[in-house]
C-alpha cells in the first residue's frame, strides 16, 4: 500500500494565486518580497508557518484554507453555490 505523500504547499499557493487572477509580482508586492521569493515559495514543499499566514492573508484565504486547499473543494463550493442559486 502506498503511503500518502505530504501535500506540496507551494503548489497550493500557486494555484490559489492563479485562481485569484494574481501574478507573482502582485503577490510579491503585497508581501514585501521579490518575485523570485514568491517563485521560491511556490516551488517549496514546505514554508514556515509565520510566512504561510502572511501568504494566506495576501491571497484572501485563511491559513487553514490554504493548508487544506484542493481543486476538488473549489469545484464542490462552486457547484453548491450554483445549485443553491437556482
PDB file of N, CA and C in Angstrom:
ATOM      1  N   UNK A   1       0.844  -1.179   0.000  1.00  0.00           N
ATOM      2  CA  UNK A   1       0.000   0.000   0.000  1.00  0.00           C
ATOM      3  C   UNK A   1       0.892   1.246   0.000  1.00  0.00           C
ATOM      4  N   UNK A   2       0.561   2.185  -0.835  1.00  0.00           N
ATOM      5  CA  UNK A   2       1.355   3.390  -0.981  1.00  0.00           C
ATOM      6  C   UNK A   2       1.039   4.371   0.144  1.00  0.00           C
ATOM      7  N   UNK A   3       2.108   4.932   0.761  1.00  0.00           N
ATOM      8  CA  UNK A   3       1.889   5.915   1.811  1.00  0.00           C
ATOM      9  C   UNK A   3       1.560   7.260   1.180  1.00  0.00           C
ATOM     10  N   UNK A   4       0.615   7.989   1.765  1.00  0.00           N
ATOM     11  CA  UNK A   4       0.251   9.277   1.174  1.00  0.00           C
ATOM     12  C   UNK A   4       1.419  10.253   1.269  1.00  0.00           C
ATOM     13  N   UNK A   5       1.653  10.980   0.197  1.00  0.00           N
ATOM     14  CA  UNK A   5       2.748  11.938   0.202  1.00  0.00           C
ATOM     15  C   UNK A   5       2.296  13.210   0.910  1.00  0.00           C
ATOM     16  N   UNK A   6       3.271  13.900   1.454  1.00  0.00           N
ATOM     17  CA  UNK A   6       2.974  15.155   2.140  1.00  0.00           C
ATOM     18  C   UNK A   6       2.521  16.180   1.115  1.00  0.00           C
ATOM     19  N   UNK A   7       1.483  16.958   1.438  1.00  0.00           N
ATOM     20  CA  UNK A   7       0.997  17.944   0.475  1.00  0.00           C
ATOM     21  C   UNK A   7       2.085  18.975   0.150  1.00  0.00           C
ATOM     22  N   UNK A   8       2.157  19.362  -1.085  1.00  0.00           N
ATOM     23  CA  UNK A   8       3.138  20.338  -1.556  1.00  0.00           C
ATOM     24  C   UNK A   8       2.521  21.715  -1.411  1.00  0.00           C
ATOM     25  N   UNK A   9       2.896  22.443  -0.350  1.00  0.00           N
ATOM     26  CA  UNK A   9       2.256  23.722  -0.045  1.00  0.00           C
ATOM     27  C   UNK A   9       2.486  24.752  -1.151  1.00  0.00           C
ATOM     28  N   UNK A  10       3.628  24.687  -1.806  1.00  0.00           N
ATOM     29  CA  UNK A  10       3.924  25.640  -2.877  1.00  0.00           C
ATOM     30  C   UNK A  10       2.946  25.555  -4.027  1.00  0.00           C
ATOM     31  N   UNK A  11       2.544  24.344  -4.380  1.00  0.00           N
ATOM     32  CA  UNK A  11       1.568  24.170  -5.458  1.00  0.00           C
ATOM     33  C   UNK A  11       0.219  24.771  -5.065  1.00  0.00           C
ATOM     34  N   UNK A  12      -0.118  24.646  -3.787  1.00  0.00           N
ATOM     35  CA  UNK A  12      -1.386  25.225  -3.315  1.00  0.00           C
ATOM     36  C   UNK A  12      -1.333  26.745  -3.394  1.00  0.00           C
ATOM     37  N   UNK A  13      -0.213  27.330  -2.981  1.00  0.00           N
ATOM     38  CA  UNK A  13      -0.044  28.787  -3.060  1.00  0.00           C
ATOM     39  C   UNK A  13      -0.200  29.234  -4.508  1.00  0.00           C
ATOM     40  N   UNK A  14       0.489  28.543  -5.401  1.00  0.00           N
ATOM     41  CA  UNK A  14       0.459  28.885  -6.818  1.00  0.00           C
ATOM     42  C   UNK A  14      -0.954  28.792  -7.379  1.00  0.00           C
ATOM     43  N   UNK A  15      -1.655  27.719  -7.059  1.00  0.00           N
ATOM     44  CA  UNK A  15      -2.988  27.505  -7.630  1.00  0.00           C
ATOM     45  C   UNK A  15      -3.991  28.524  -7.109  1.00  0.00           C
ATOM     46  N   UNK A  16      -3.936  28.819  -5.807  1.00  0.00           N
ATOM     47  CA  UNK A  16      -4.854  29.823  -5.263  1.00  0.00           C
ATOM     48  C   UNK A  16      -4.553  31.180  -5.896  1.00  0.00           C
ATOM     49  N   UNK A  17      -3.282  31.510  -6.035  1.00  0.00           N
ATOM     50  CA  UNK A  17      -2.892  32.774  -6.660  1.00  0.00           C
ATOM     51  C   UNK A  17      -3.446  32.857  -8.075  1.00  0.00           C
ATOM     52  N   UNK A  18      -3.316  31.763  -8.835  1.00  0.00           N
ATOM     53  CA  UNK A  18      -3.827  31.733 -10.211  1.00  0.00           C
ATOM     54  C   UNK A  18      -5.348  31.875 -10.240  1.00  0.00           C
ATOM     55  N   UNK A  19      -6.034  31.184  -9.338  1.00  0.00           N
ATOM     56  CA  UNK A  19      -7.494  31.276  -9.288  1.00  0.00           C
ATOM     57  C   UNK A  19      -7.949  32.680  -8.931  1.00  0.00           C
ATOM     58  N   UNK A  20      -7.148  33.394  -8.196  1.00  0.00           N
ATOM     59  CA  UNK A  20      -7.447  34.778  -7.828  1.00  0.00           C
ATOM     60  C   UNK A  20      -7.107  35.755  -8.954  1.00  0.00           C
ATOM     61  N   UNK A  21      -6.456  35.249 -10.010  1.00  0.00           N
ATOM     62  CA  UNK A  21      -6.066  36.118 -11.117  1.00  0.00           C
ATOM     63  C   UNK A  21      -4.917  37.040 -10.748  1.00  0.00           C
ATOM     64  N   UNK A  22      -4.080  36.576  -9.845  1.00  0.00           N
ATOM     65  CA  UNK A  22      -2.978  37.387  -9.326  1.00  0.00           C
ATOM     66  C   UNK A  22      -1.656  36.895  -9.899  1.00  0.00           C
ATOM     67  N   UNK A  23      -0.825  37.809 -10.309  1.00  0.00           N
ATOM     68  CA  UNK A  23       0.507  37.446 -10.808  1.00  0.00           C
ATOM     69  C   UNK A  23       1.478  37.354  -9.633  1.00  0.00           C
ATOM     70  N   UNK A  24       2.582  36.632  -9.847  1.00  0.00           N
ATOM     71  CA  UNK A  24       3.592  36.523  -8.803  1.00  0.00           C
ATOM     72  C   UNK A  24       4.071  37.898  -8.345  1.00  0.00           C
ATOM     73  N   UNK A  25       4.215  38.810  -9.287  1.00  0.00           N
ATOM     74  CA  UNK A  25       4.704  40.154  -8.960  1.00  0.00           C
ATOM     75  C   UNK A  25       3.749  40.864  -7.993  1.00  0.00           C
ATOM     76  N   UNK A  26       2.448  40.689  -8.200  1.00  0.00           N
ATOM     77  CA  UNK A  26       1.452  41.335  -7.337  1.00  0.00           C
ATOM     78  C   UNK A  26       1.509  40.744  -5.928  1.00  0.00           C
ATOM     79  N   UNK A  27       1.623  39.434  -5.834  1.00  0.00           N
ATOM     80  CA  UNK A  27       1.727  38.790  -4.529  1.00  0.00           C
ATOM     81  C   UNK A  27       3.012  39.227  -3.842  1.00  0.00           C
ATOM     82  N   UNK A  28       4.088  39.308  -4.585  1.00  0.00           N
ATOM     83  CA  UNK A  28       5.372  39.739  -4.035  1.00  0.00           C
ATOM     84  C   UNK A  28       5.254  41.144  -3.448  1.00  0.00           C
ATOM     85  N   UNK A  29       4.574  42.030  -4.169  1.00  0.00           N
ATOM     86  CA  UNK A  29       4.423  43.406  -3.710  1.00  0.00           C
ATOM     87  C   UNK A  29       3.645  43.466  -2.395  1.00  0.00           C
ATOM     88  N   UNK A  30       2.565  42.696  -2.304  1.00  0.00           N
ATOM     89  CA  UNK A  30       1.758  42.673  -1.079  1.00  0.00           C
ATOM     90  C   UNK A  30       2.582  42.142   0.093  1.00  0.00           C
ATOM     91  N   UNK A  31       3.423  41.132  -0.179  1.00  0.00           N
ATOM     92  CA  UNK A  31       4.225  40.514   0.877  1.00  0.00           C
ATOM     93  C   UNK A  31       5.498  41.302   1.189  1.00  0.00           C
ATOM     94  N   UNK A  32       5.864  42.240   0.305  1.00  0.00           N
ATOM     95  CA  UNK A  32       7.088  42.994   0.512  1.00  0.00           C
ATOM     96  C   UNK A  32       8.346  42.194   0.226  1.00  0.00           C
ATOM     97  N   UNK A  33       8.228  41.272  -0.752  1.00  0.00           N
ATOM     98  CA  UNK A  33       9.369  40.445  -1.148  1.00  0.00           C
ATOM     99  C   UNK A  33       9.538  40.534  -2.667  1.00  0.00           C
ATOM    100  N   UNK A  34      10.560  39.890  -3.184  1.00  0.00           N
ATOM    101  CA  UNK A  34      10.782  39.886  -4.627  1.00  0.00           C
ATOM    102  C   UNK A  34       9.921  38.819  -5.303  1.00  0.00           C
ATOM    103  N   UNK A  35       9.741  38.975  -6.605  1.00  0.00           N
ATOM    104  CA  UNK A  35       9.011  37.968  -7.385  1.00  0.00           C
ATOM    105  C   UNK A  35       9.739  36.626  -7.289  1.00  0.00           C
ATOM    106  N   UNK A  36      11.062  36.640  -7.239  1.00  0.00           N
ATOM    107  CA  UNK A  36      11.850  35.407  -7.127  1.00  0.00           C
ATOM    108  C   UNK A  36      11.549  34.685  -5.813  1.00  0.00           C
ATOM    109  N   UNK A  37      11.329  35.453  -4.748  1.00  0.00           N
ATOM    110  CA  UNK A  37      10.984  34.845  -3.458  1.00  0.00           C
ATOM    111  C   UNK A  37       9.634  34.145  -3.553  1.00  0.00           C
ATOM    112  N   UNK A  38       8.661  34.780  -4.203  1.00  0.00           N
ATOM    113  CA  UNK A  38       7.351  34.144  -4.395  1.00  0.00           C
ATOM    114  C   UNK A  38       7.520  32.868  -5.209  1.00  0.00           C
ATOM    115  N   UNK A  39       8.333  32.918  -6.255  1.00  0.00           N
ATOM    116  CA  UNK A  39       8.608  31.731  -7.062  1.00  0.00           C
ATOM    117  C   UNK A  39       9.211  30.626  -6.194  1.00  0.00           C
ATOM    118  N   UNK A  40      10.120  31.002  -5.304  1.00  0.00           N
ATOM    119  CA  UNK A  40      10.729  30.017  -4.399  1.00  0.00           C
ATOM    120  C   UNK A  40       9.684  29.400  -3.475  1.00  0.00           C
ATOM    121  N   UNK A  41       8.759  30.232  -2.952  1.00  0.00           N
ATOM    122  CA  UNK A  41       7.674  29.697  -2.113  1.00  0.00           C
ATOM    123  C   UNK A  41       6.883  28.656  -2.889  1.00  0.00           C
ATOM    124  N   UNK A  42       6.543  29.000  -4.131  1.00  0.00           N
ATOM    125  CA  UNK A  42       5.685  28.131  -4.944  1.00  0.00           C
ATOM    126  C   UNK A  42       6.385  26.842  -5.366  1.00  0.00           C
ATOM    127  N   UNK A  43       7.698  26.819  -5.308  1.00  0.00           N
ATOM    128  CA  UNK A  43       8.453  25.613  -5.641  1.00  0.00           C
ATOM    129  C   UNK A  43       8.852  24.815  -4.410  1.00  0.00           C
ATOM    130  N   UNK A  44       8.438  25.274  -3.227  1.00  0.00           N
ATOM    131  CA  UNK A  44       8.814  24.620  -1.970  1.00  0.00           C
ATOM    132  C   UNK A  44       7.723  23.675  -1.490  1.00  0.00           C
ATOM    133  N   UNK A  45       8.157  22.534  -0.972  1.00  0.00           N
ATOM    134  CA  UNK A  45       7.194  21.602  -0.379  1.00  0.00           C
ATOM    135  C   UNK A  45       6.706  22.126   0.960  1.00  0.00           C
ATOM    136  N   UNK A  46       7.552  22.891   1.659  1.00  0.00           N
ATOM    137  CA  UNK A  46       7.199  23.434   2.965  1.00  0.00           C
ATOM    138  C   UNK A  46       7.577  24.909   3.027  1.00  0.00           C
ATOM    139  N   UNK A  47       6.779  25.679   3.749  1.00  0.00           N
ATOM    140  CA  UNK A  47       7.052  27.095   4.006  1.00  0.00           C
ATOM    141  C   UNK A  47       6.795  27.298   5.493  1.00  0.00           C
ATOM    142  N   UNK A  48       7.639  28.084   6.155  1.00  0.00           N
ATOM    143  CA  UNK A  48       7.465  28.252   7.601  1.00  0.00           C
ATOM    144  C   UNK A  48       6.098  28.847   7.928  1.00  0.00           C
ATOM    145  N   UNK A  49       5.583  28.436   9.069  1.00  0.00           N
ATOM    146  CA  UNK A  49       4.208  28.753   9.485  1.00  0.00           C
ATOM    147  C   UNK A  49       3.914  30.253   9.489  1.00  0.00           C
ATOM    148  N   UNK A  50       4.825  31.062  10.019  1.00  0.00           N
ATOM    149  CA  UNK A  50       4.570  32.501  10.092  1.00  0.00           C
ATOM    150  C   UNK A  50       4.448  33.108   8.694  1.00  0.00           C
ATOM    151  N   UNK A  51       5.262  32.648   7.773  1.00  0.00           N
ATOM    152  CA  UNK A  51       5.210  33.146   6.391  1.00  0.00           C
ATOM    153  C   UNK A  51       3.937  32.658   5.707  1.00  0.00           C
ATOM    154  N   UNK A  52       3.528  31.428   6.012  1.00  0.00           N
ATOM    155  CA  UNK A  52       2.296  30.889   5.426  1.00  0.00           C
ATOM    156  C   UNK A  52       1.094  31.745   5.809  1.00  0.00           C
ATOM    157  N   UNK A  53       1.058  32.203   7.042  1.00  0.00           N
ATOM    158  CA  UNK A  53      -0.040  33.061   7.483  1.00  0.00           C
ATOM    159  C   UNK A  53      -0.091  34.351   6.687  1.00  0.00           C
ATOM    160  N   UNK A  54       1.068  34.937   6.423  1.00  0.00           N
ATOM    161  CA  UNK A  54       1.141  36.165   5.628  1.00  0.00           C
ATOM    162  C   UNK A  54       0.675  35.914   4.193  1.00  0.00           C
ATOM    163  N   UNK A  55       1.100  34.794   3.634  1.00  0.00           N
ATOM    164  CA  UNK A  55       0.729  34.448   2.260  1.00  0.00           C
ATOM    165  C   UNK A  55      -0.779  34.219   2.163  1.00  0.00           C
ATOM    166  N   UNK A  56      -1.318  33.465   3.125  1.00  0.00           N
ATOM    167  CA  UNK A  56      -2.763  33.195   3.133  1.00  0.00           C
ATOM    168  C   UNK A  56      -3.544  34.504   3.181  1.00  0.00           C
ATOM    169  N   UNK A  57      -3.134  35.403   4.058  1.00  0.00           N
ATOM    170  CA  UNK A  57      -3.807  36.690   4.187  1.00  0.00           C
ATOM    171  C   UNK A  57      -3.740  37.476   2.876  1.00  0.00           C
ATOM    172  N   UNK A  58      -2.578  37.484   2.243  1.00  0.00           N
ATOM    173  CA  UNK A  58      -2.401  38.201   0.978  1.00  0.00           C
ATOM    174  C   UNK A  58      -3.272  37.605  -0.124  1.00  0.00           C
ATOM    175  N   UNK A  59      -3.529  36.306  -0.042  1.00  0.00           N
ATOM    176  CA  UNK A  59      -4.355  35.626  -1.039  1.00  0.00           C
ATOM    177  C   UNK A  59      -5.845  35.679  -0.697  1.00  0.00           C
ATOM    178  N   UNK A  60      -6.166  36.214   0.472  1.00  0.00           N
ATOM    179  CA  UNK A  60      -7.571  36.342   0.861  1.00  0.00           C
ATOM    180  C   UNK A  60      -8.195  35.044   1.324  1.00  0.00           C
ATOM    181  N   UNK A  61      -7.379  34.150   1.889  1.00  0.00           N
ATOM    182  CA  UNK A  61      -7.883  32.893   2.432  1.00  0.00           C
ATOM    183  C   UNK A  61      -7.351  32.729   3.853  1.00  0.00           C
ATOM    184  N   UNK A  62      -7.947  31.826   4.608  1.00  0.00           N
ATOM    185  CA  UNK A  62      -7.434  31.540   5.945  1.00  0.00           C
ATOM    186  C   UNK A  62      -6.222  30.628   5.835  1.00  0.00           C
ATOM    187  N   UNK A  63      -5.453  30.573   6.913  1.00  0.00           N
ATOM    188  CA  UNK A  63      -4.304  29.674   6.949  1.00  0.00           C
ATOM    189  C   UNK A  63      -4.766  28.228   6.759  1.00  0.00           C
ATOM    190  N   UNK A  64      -5.846  27.857   7.430  1.00  0.00           N
ATOM    191  CA  UNK A  64      -6.386  26.502   7.280  1.00  0.00           C
ATOM    192  C   UNK A  64      -6.877  26.257   5.857  1.00  0.00           C
ATOM    193  N   UNK A  65      -7.499  27.279   5.265  1.00  0.00           N
ATOM    194  CA  UNK A  65      -7.962  27.160   3.881  1.00  0.00           C
ATOM    195  C   UNK A  65      -6.807  26.909   2.932  1.00  0.00           C
ATOM    196  N   UNK A  66      -5.691  27.590   3.168  1.00  0.00           N
ATOM    197  CA  UNK A  66      -4.502  27.385   2.339  1.00  0.00           C
ATOM    198  C   UNK A  66      -3.938  25.981   2.529  1.00  0.00           C
ATOM    199  N   UNK A  67      -3.803  25.576   3.779  1.00  0.00           N
ATOM    200  CA  UNK A  67      -3.210  24.255   4.069  1.00  0.00           C
ATOM    201  C   UNK A  67      -4.046  23.106   3.514  1.00  0.00           C
ATOM    202  N   UNK A  68      -5.370  23.264   3.539  1.00  0.00           N
ATOM    203  CA  UNK A  68      -6.254  22.166   3.146  1.00  0.00           C
ATOM    204  C   UNK A  68      -6.867  22.352   1.757  1.00  0.00           C
ATOM    205  N   UNK A  69      -6.345  23.298   0.995  1.00  0.00           N
ATOM    206  CA  UNK A  69      -6.867  23.571  -0.344  1.00  0.00           C
ATOM    207  C   UNK A  69      -6.723  22.355  -1.255  1.00  0.00           C
ATOM    208  N   UNK A  70      -7.803  22.057  -1.992  1.00  0.00           N
ATOM    209  CA  UNK A  70      -7.755  21.056  -3.067  1.00  0.00           C
ATOM    210  C   UNK A  70      -8.603  21.580  -4.210  1.00  0.00           C
ATOM    211  N   UNK A  71      -8.260  21.159  -5.405  1.00  0.00           N
ATOM    212  CA  UNK A  71      -9.060  21.531  -6.579  1.00  0.00           C
ATOM    213  C   UNK A  71     -10.492  21.041  -6.396  1.00  0.00           C
ATOM    214  N   UNK A  72     -10.635  19.854  -5.840  1.00  0.00           N
ATOM    215  CA  UNK A  72     -11.960  19.260  -5.655  1.00  0.00           C
ATOM    216  C   UNK A  72     -12.830  20.138  -4.759  1.00  0.00           C
ATOM    217  N   UNK A  73     -12.243  20.687  -3.702  1.00  0.00           N
ATOM    218  CA  UNK A  73     -13.036  21.524  -2.788  1.00  0.00           C
ATOM    219  C   UNK A  73     -13.528  22.786  -3.483  1.00  0.00           C
ATOM    220  N   UNK A  74     -12.717  23.342  -4.366  1.00  0.00           N
ATOM    221  CA  UNK A  74     -13.125  24.544  -5.105  1.00  0.00           C
ATOM    222  C   UNK A  74     -14.337  24.235  -5.980  1.00  0.00           C
ATOM    223  N   UNK A  75     -14.274  23.137  -6.715  1.00  0.00           N
ATOM    224  CA  UNK A  75     -15.374  22.793  -7.598  1.00  0.00           C
ATOM    225  C   UNK A  75     -16.622  22.417  -6.819  1.00  0.00           C
ATOM    226  N   UNK A  76     -16.467  21.787  -5.660  1.00  0.00           N
ATOM    227  CA  UNK A  76     -17.624  21.479  -4.816  1.00  0.00           C
ATOM    228  C   UNK A  76     -18.304  22.755  -4.344  1.00  0.00           C
ATOM    229  N   UNK A  77     -17.525  23.751  -3.944  1.00  0.00           N
ATOM    230  CA  UNK A  77     -18.100  25.018  -3.489  1.00  0.00           C
ATOM    231  C   UNK A  77     -18.807  25.732  -4.638  1.00  0.00           C
ATOM    232  N   UNK A  78     -18.210  25.710  -5.810  1.00  0.00           N
ATOM    233  CA  UNK A  78     -18.825  26.354  -6.978  1.00  0.00           C
ATOM    234  C   UNK A  78     -20.148  25.656  -7.311  1.00  0.00           C
ATOM    235  N   UNK A  79     -20.129  24.334  -7.335  1.00  0.00           N
ATOM    236  CA  UNK A  79     -21.344  23.598  -7.643  1.00  0.00           C
ATOM    237  C   UNK A  79     -22.427  23.813  -6.597  1.00  0.00           C
ATOM    238  N   UNK A  80     -22.035  23.839  -5.321  1.00  0.00           N
ATOM    239  CA  UNK A  80     -23.023  24.077  -4.256  1.00  0.00           C
ATOM    240  C   UNK A  80     -23.613  25.468  -4.371  1.00  0.00           C
ATOM    241  N   UNK A  81     -22.782  26.452  -4.682  1.00  0.00           N
ATOM    242  CA  UNK A  81     -23.268  27.815  -4.839  1.00  0.00           C
ATOM    243  C   UNK A  81     -24.254  27.879  -6.007  1.00  0.00           C
ATOM    244  N   UNK A  82     -23.887  27.271  -7.122  1.00  0.00           N
ATOM    245  CA  UNK A  82     -24.736  27.259  -8.310  1.00  0.00           C
ATOM    246  C   UNK A  82     -26.073  26.563  -7.996  1.00  0.00           C
ATOM    247  N   UNK A  83     -26.009  25.405  -7.352  1.00  0.00           N
ATOM    248  CA  UNK A  83     -27.231  24.665  -7.017  1.00  0.00           C
ATOM    249  C   UNK A  83     -28.139  25.471  -6.099  1.00  0.00           C
ATOM    250  N   UNK A  84     -27.560  26.165  -5.135  1.00  0.00           N
ATOM    251  CA  UNK A  84     -28.354  26.947  -4.190  1.00  0.00           C
ATOM    252  C   UNK A  84     -28.906  28.223  -4.806  1.00  0.00           C
ATOM    253  N   UNK A  85     -28.277  28.683  -5.864  1.00  0.00           N
ATOM    254  CA  UNK A  85     -28.721  29.929  -6.508  1.00  0.00           C
ATOM    255  C   UNK A  85     -29.917  29.704  -7.429  1.00  0.00           C
ATOM    256  N   UNK A  86     -30.130  28.475  -7.815  1.00  0.00           N
ATOM    257  CA  UNK A  86     -31.219  28.175  -8.759  1.00  0.00           C
ATOM    258  C   UNK A  86     -32.567  28.137  -8.061  1.00  0.00           C
TER     259      UNK A  86
END
